[in-house]
Amino acid sequence: MHILISMFEDTHTIQDIISSLGEMIKSKREELALTQTDLANKTGLNRNTIQKLEYGKNSTLLSLLQVLRYFGLEQEFHKLMKGLLEVSDYPDTLYGE
């Protein structure tokens, strides 16, 4: 199973997804021995934005996509989102209602 899809097998809410994405971004950054500042410089974002992404805090979709693109994961993210939208009990499960 692909890295992004396997990370979300047990996620159910939007916050779960955002938190899991943040953990994945931090893990990939550390795997490449990059600091938050390094990643910010390589993606054109600021370090605070990278920090927010990693901690699952408010950030824009554009910022998220810039980081995923840097890691080469934007197509997998697209597949994940498409799969989540096809979940039979959407939107109840996704929004935690």
N, C-alpha and C. Protein backbone atom coordinates (compact mmCIF):
# COMPACT_ATOMS: atom_id res chain seq x y z
N MET A 1 0.85 -1.17 0.00
CA MET A 1 0.00 0.00 0.00
C MET A 1 0.89 1.24 0.00
N HIS A 2 0.46 2.27 -0.67
CA HIS A 2 1.29 3.46 -0.79
C HIS A 2 1.38 4.20 0.54
N ILE A 3 2.45 4.98 0.70
CA ILE A 3 2.75 5.67 1.97
C ILE A 3 1.59 6.54 2.46
N LEU A 4 1.01 7.38 1.61
CA LEU A 4 -0.06 8.26 2.08
C LEU A 4 -1.31 7.48 2.41
N ILE A 5 -1.69 6.55 1.56
CA ILE A 5 -2.91 5.80 1.80
C ILE A 5 -2.78 4.96 3.06
N SER A 6 -1.64 4.31 3.25
CA SER A 6 -1.45 3.48 4.44
C SER A 6 -1.46 4.32 5.71
N MET A 7 -1.02 5.56 5.64
CA MET A 7 -1.01 6.42 6.83
C MET A 7 -2.42 6.78 7.28
N PHE A 8 -3.39 6.70 6.38
CA PHE A 8 -4.73 7.17 6.70
C PHE A 8 -5.74 6.05 6.90
N GLU A 9 -5.27 4.82 7.02
CA GLU A 9 -6.20 3.72 7.21
C GLU A 9 -7.08 3.90 8.44
N ASP A 10 -6.52 4.48 9.50
CA ASP A 10 -7.27 4.62 10.75
C ASP A 10 -7.73 6.05 11.02
N THR A 11 -7.63 6.93 10.03
CA THR A 11 -8.07 8.30 10.24
C THR A 11 -9.53 8.44 9.85
N HIS A 12 -10.22 9.29 10.56
CA HIS A 12 -11.65 9.42 10.31
C HIS A 12 -12.13 10.86 10.20
N THR A 13 -11.43 11.78 10.80
CA THR A 13 -11.88 13.17 10.76
C THR A 13 -10.87 14.01 9.99
N ILE A 14 -11.29 15.19 9.64
CA ILE A 14 -10.39 16.11 8.95
C ILE A 14 -9.17 16.40 9.82
N GLN A 15 -9.36 16.60 11.11
CA GLN A 15 -8.22 16.87 12.00
C GLN A 15 -7.27 15.68 12.03
N ASP A 16 -7.82 14.45 12.01
CA ASP A 16 -6.96 13.26 11.95
C ASP A 16 -6.10 13.29 10.69
N ILE A 17 -6.70 13.65 9.58
CA ILE A 17 -5.98 13.69 8.31
C ILE A 17 -4.90 14.76 8.35
N ILE A 18 -5.25 15.94 8.83
CA ILE A 18 -4.29 17.04 8.91
C ILE A 18 -3.13 16.68 9.83
N SER A 19 -3.44 16.07 10.96
CA SER A 19 -2.38 15.66 11.89
C SER A 19 -1.48 14.60 11.27
N SER A 20 -2.07 13.64 10.58
CA SER A 20 -1.29 12.59 9.93
C SER A 20 -0.41 13.15 8.82
N LEU A 21 -0.95 14.09 8.05
CA LEU A 21 -0.14 14.74 7.03
C LEU A 21 1.04 15.48 7.65
N GLY A 22 0.79 16.16 8.76
CA GLY A 22 1.85 16.88 9.46
C GLY A 22 2.95 15.94 9.93
N GLU A 23 2.55 14.81 10.48
CA GLU A 23 3.53 13.82 10.93
C GLU A 23 4.34 13.28 9.74
N MET A 24 3.66 13.06 8.62
CA MET A 24 4.34 12.55 7.43
C MET A 24 5.33 13.58 6.89
N ILE A 25 4.94 14.85 6.88
CA ILE A 25 5.83 15.91 6.41
C ILE A 25 7.07 15.99 7.31
N LYS A 26 6.86 15.97 8.61
CA LYS A 26 7.99 16.03 9.54
C LYS A 26 8.91 14.83 9.34
N SER A 27 8.33 13.66 9.20
CA SER A 27 9.12 12.46 9.00
C SER A 27 9.96 12.53 7.72
N LYS A 28 9.34 12.97 6.62
CA LYS A 28 10.07 13.10 5.35
C LYS A 28 11.16 14.15 5.46
N ARG A 29 10.88 15.25 6.12
CA ARG A 29 11.87 16.31 6.30
C ARG A 29 13.07 15.79 7.07
N GLU A 30 12.80 15.09 8.17
CA GLU A 30 13.88 14.56 8.99
C GLU A 30 14.65 13.47 8.26
N GLU A 31 13.94 12.66 7.47
CA GLU A 31 14.58 11.62 6.66
C GLU A 31 15.61 12.22 5.70
N LEU A 32 15.30 13.40 5.19
CA LEU A 32 16.22 14.10 4.27
C LEU A 32 17.20 15.02 5.00
N ALA A 33 17.20 14.95 6.33
CA ALA A 33 18.09 15.76 7.17
C ALA A 33 17.94 17.25 6.89
N LEU A 34 16.69 17.69 6.75
CA LEU A 34 16.39 19.10 6.52
C LEU A 34 15.85 19.72 7.81
N THR A 35 16.21 20.96 8.05
CA THR A 35 15.57 21.70 9.13
C THR A 35 14.27 22.29 8.58
N GLN A 36 13.44 22.80 9.47
CA GLN A 36 12.23 23.47 9.02
C GLN A 36 12.59 24.66 8.13
N THR A 37 13.65 25.36 8.48
CA THR A 37 14.10 26.51 7.68
C THR A 37 14.56 26.06 6.30
N ASP A 38 15.30 24.94 6.23
CA ASP A 38 15.72 24.39 4.93
C ASP A 38 14.52 24.10 4.04
N LEU A 39 13.53 23.41 4.62
CA LEU A 39 12.35 23.06 3.83
C LEU A 39 11.59 24.31 3.42
N ALA A 40 11.50 25.27 4.31
CA ALA A 40 10.83 26.54 3.98
C ALA A 40 11.51 27.21 2.80
N ASN A 41 12.82 27.27 2.83
CA ASN A 41 13.57 27.89 1.73
C ASN A 41 13.38 27.15 0.42
N LYS A 42 13.35 25.84 0.47
CA LYS A 42 13.21 25.03 -0.75
C LYS A 42 11.81 25.08 -1.34
N THR A 43 10.81 25.41 -0.50
CA THR A 43 9.43 25.44 -0.98
C THR A 43 8.89 26.86 -1.16
N GLY A 44 9.66 27.86 -0.76
CA GLY A 44 9.20 29.24 -0.88
C GLY A 44 8.23 29.64 0.22
N LEU A 45 8.17 28.86 1.28
CA LEU A 45 7.31 29.16 2.42
C LEU A 45 8.17 29.69 3.56
N ASN A 46 7.52 30.12 4.64
CA ASN A 46 8.33 30.51 5.79
C ASN A 46 8.35 29.38 6.82
N ARG A 47 9.28 29.46 7.74
CA ARG A 47 9.45 28.39 8.72
C ARG A 47 8.21 28.20 9.58
N ASN A 48 7.52 29.28 9.92
CA ASN A 48 6.30 29.17 10.72
C ASN A 48 5.22 28.36 10.00
N THR A 49 5.15 28.49 8.69
CA THR A 49 4.18 27.72 7.91
C THR A 49 4.53 26.24 7.96
N ILE A 50 5.80 25.92 7.82
CA ILE A 50 6.25 24.52 7.91
C ILE A 50 5.92 23.97 9.29
N GLN A 51 6.18 24.76 10.32
CA GLN A 51 5.89 24.33 11.69
C GLN A 51 4.40 24.05 11.85
N LYS A 52 3.55 24.95 11.34
CA LYS A 52 2.10 24.75 11.44
C LYS A 52 1.67 23.48 10.72
N LEU A 53 2.22 23.26 9.53
CA LEU A 53 1.89 22.04 8.79
C LEU A 53 2.25 20.80 9.59
N GLU A 54 3.45 20.79 10.16
CA GLU A 54 3.91 19.62 10.90
C GLU A 54 3.10 19.36 12.16
N TYR A 55 2.59 20.40 12.77
CA TYR A 55 1.81 20.24 14.00
C TYR A 55 0.31 20.15 13.75
N GLY A 56 -0.09 20.11 12.48
CA GLY A 56 -1.50 19.97 12.15
C GLY A 56 -2.32 21.20 12.49
N LYS A 57 -1.67 22.35 12.46
CA LYS A 57 -2.37 23.61 12.74
C LYS A 57 -2.87 24.22 11.44
N ASN A 58 -3.59 25.32 11.56
CA ASN A 58 -4.13 26.00 10.38
C ASN A 58 -3.04 26.31 9.37
N SER A 59 -3.28 25.90 8.15
CA SER A 59 -2.40 26.23 7.03
C SER A 59 -3.26 26.16 5.78
N THR A 60 -2.75 26.70 4.72
CA THR A 60 -3.54 26.70 3.49
C THR A 60 -3.28 25.43 2.70
N LEU A 61 -4.23 25.11 1.85
CA LEU A 61 -4.06 23.97 0.95
C LEU A 61 -2.88 24.22 0.03
N LEU A 62 -2.69 25.45 -0.40
CA LEU A 62 -1.56 25.79 -1.26
C LEU A 62 -0.23 25.47 -0.57
N SER A 63 -0.10 25.82 0.70
CA SER A 63 1.13 25.51 1.44
C SER A 63 1.35 24.01 1.53
N LEU A 64 0.29 23.29 1.85
CA LEU A 64 0.38 21.84 1.94
C LEU A 64 0.83 21.24 0.60
N LEU A 65 0.22 21.70 -0.48
CA LEU A 65 0.56 21.18 -1.79
C LEU A 65 1.98 21.52 -2.20
N GLN A 66 2.47 22.69 -1.80
CA GLN A 66 3.86 23.05 -2.12
C GLN A 66 4.83 22.08 -1.45
N VAL A 67 4.56 21.72 -0.22
CA VAL A 67 5.44 20.79 0.49
C VAL A 67 5.31 19.39 -0.10
N LEU A 68 4.08 18.96 -0.36
CA LEU A 68 3.90 17.63 -0.96
C LEU A 68 4.57 17.56 -2.33
N ARG A 69 4.50 18.62 -3.10
CA ARG A 69 5.16 18.66 -4.40
C ARG A 69 6.67 18.54 -4.24
N TYR A 70 7.22 19.23 -3.27
CA TYR A 70 8.66 19.14 -3.03
C TYR A 70 9.07 17.69 -2.77
N PHE A 71 8.24 16.97 -2.00
CA PHE A 71 8.53 15.58 -1.69
C PHE A 71 8.08 14.62 -2.79
N GLY A 72 7.43 15.15 -3.84
CA GLY A 72 6.96 14.31 -4.94
C GLY A 72 5.73 13.49 -4.59
N LEU A 73 4.90 13.99 -3.69
CA LEU A 73 3.75 13.23 -3.20
C LEU A 73 2.40 13.82 -3.60
N GLU A 74 2.37 14.79 -4.51
CA GLU A 74 1.11 15.43 -4.83
C GLU A 74 0.12 14.50 -5.53
N GLN A 75 0.59 13.59 -6.37
CA GLN A 75 -0.33 12.66 -7.04
C GLN A 75 -0.95 11.69 -6.03
N GLU A 76 -0.15 11.24 -5.09
CA GLU A 76 -0.66 10.33 -4.07
C GLU A 76 -1.69 11.03 -3.18
N PHE A 77 -1.45 12.32 -2.89
CA PHE A 77 -2.41 13.09 -2.11
C PHE A 77 -3.73 13.20 -2.88
N HIS A 78 -3.64 13.45 -4.17
CA HIS A 78 -4.84 13.52 -4.99
C HIS A 78 -5.62 12.21 -4.93
N LYS A 79 -4.93 11.09 -5.05
CA LYS A 79 -5.58 9.78 -4.99
C LYS A 79 -6.23 9.57 -3.62
N LEU A 80 -5.54 9.98 -2.57
CA LEU A 80 -6.09 9.86 -1.23
C LEU A 80 -7.37 10.66 -1.08
N MET A 81 -7.35 11.91 -1.52
CA MET A 81 -8.54 12.77 -1.39
C MET A 81 -9.69 12.21 -2.21
N LYS A 82 -9.41 11.73 -3.40
CA LYS A 82 -10.45 11.13 -4.22
C LYS A 82 -11.05 9.92 -3.51
N GLY A 83 -10.20 9.11 -2.91
CA GLY A 83 -10.68 7.94 -2.18
C GLY A 83 -11.53 8.32 -0.98
N LEU A 84 -11.13 9.35 -0.25
CA LEU A 84 -11.91 9.78 0.91
C LEU A 84 -13.28 10.30 0.50
N LEU A 85 -13.35 10.95 -0.64
CA LEU A 85 -14.64 11.47 -1.10
C LEU A 85 -15.58 10.37 -1.56
N GLU A 86 -15.02 9.21 -1.86
CA GLU A 86 -15.84 8.08 -2.31
C GLU A 86 -16.30 7.19 -1.16
N VAL A 87 -15.89 7.53 0.08
CA VAL A 87 -16.30 6.74 1.24
C VAL A 87 -17.81 6.79 1.35
N SER A 88 -18.41 5.65 1.60
CA SER A 88 -19.87 5.56 1.57
C SER A 88 -20.57 6.43 2.59
N ASP A 89 -19.99 6.63 3.77
CA ASP A 89 -20.68 7.44 4.79
C ASP A 89 -20.15 8.87 4.85
N TYR A 90 -19.47 9.30 3.80
CA TYR A 90 -19.05 10.69 3.71
C TYR A 90 -20.29 11.57 3.62
N PRO A 91 -20.40 12.70 4.25
CA PRO A 91 -19.36 13.39 5.01
C PRO A 91 -19.37 13.08 6.50
N ASP A 92 -20.30 12.26 6.99
CA ASP A 92 -20.39 12.04 8.43
C ASP A 92 -19.08 11.57 9.05
N THR A 93 -18.45 10.55 8.48
CA THR A 93 -17.23 10.01 9.05
C THR A 93 -16.10 11.03 8.96
N LEU A 94 -15.97 11.69 7.84
CA LEU A 94 -14.88 12.62 7.63
C LEU A 94 -14.93 13.79 8.60
N TYR A 95 -16.11 14.26 8.91
CA TYR A 95 -16.25 15.41 9.79
C TYR A 95 -16.47 15.03 11.25
N GLY A 96 -16.48 13.74 11.55
CA GLY A 96 -16.58 13.29 12.93
C GLY A 96 -17.95 13.48 13.54
N GLU A 97 -18.97 13.56 12.71
CA GLU A 97 -20.32 13.80 13.24
C GLU A 97 -21.02 12.48 13.50
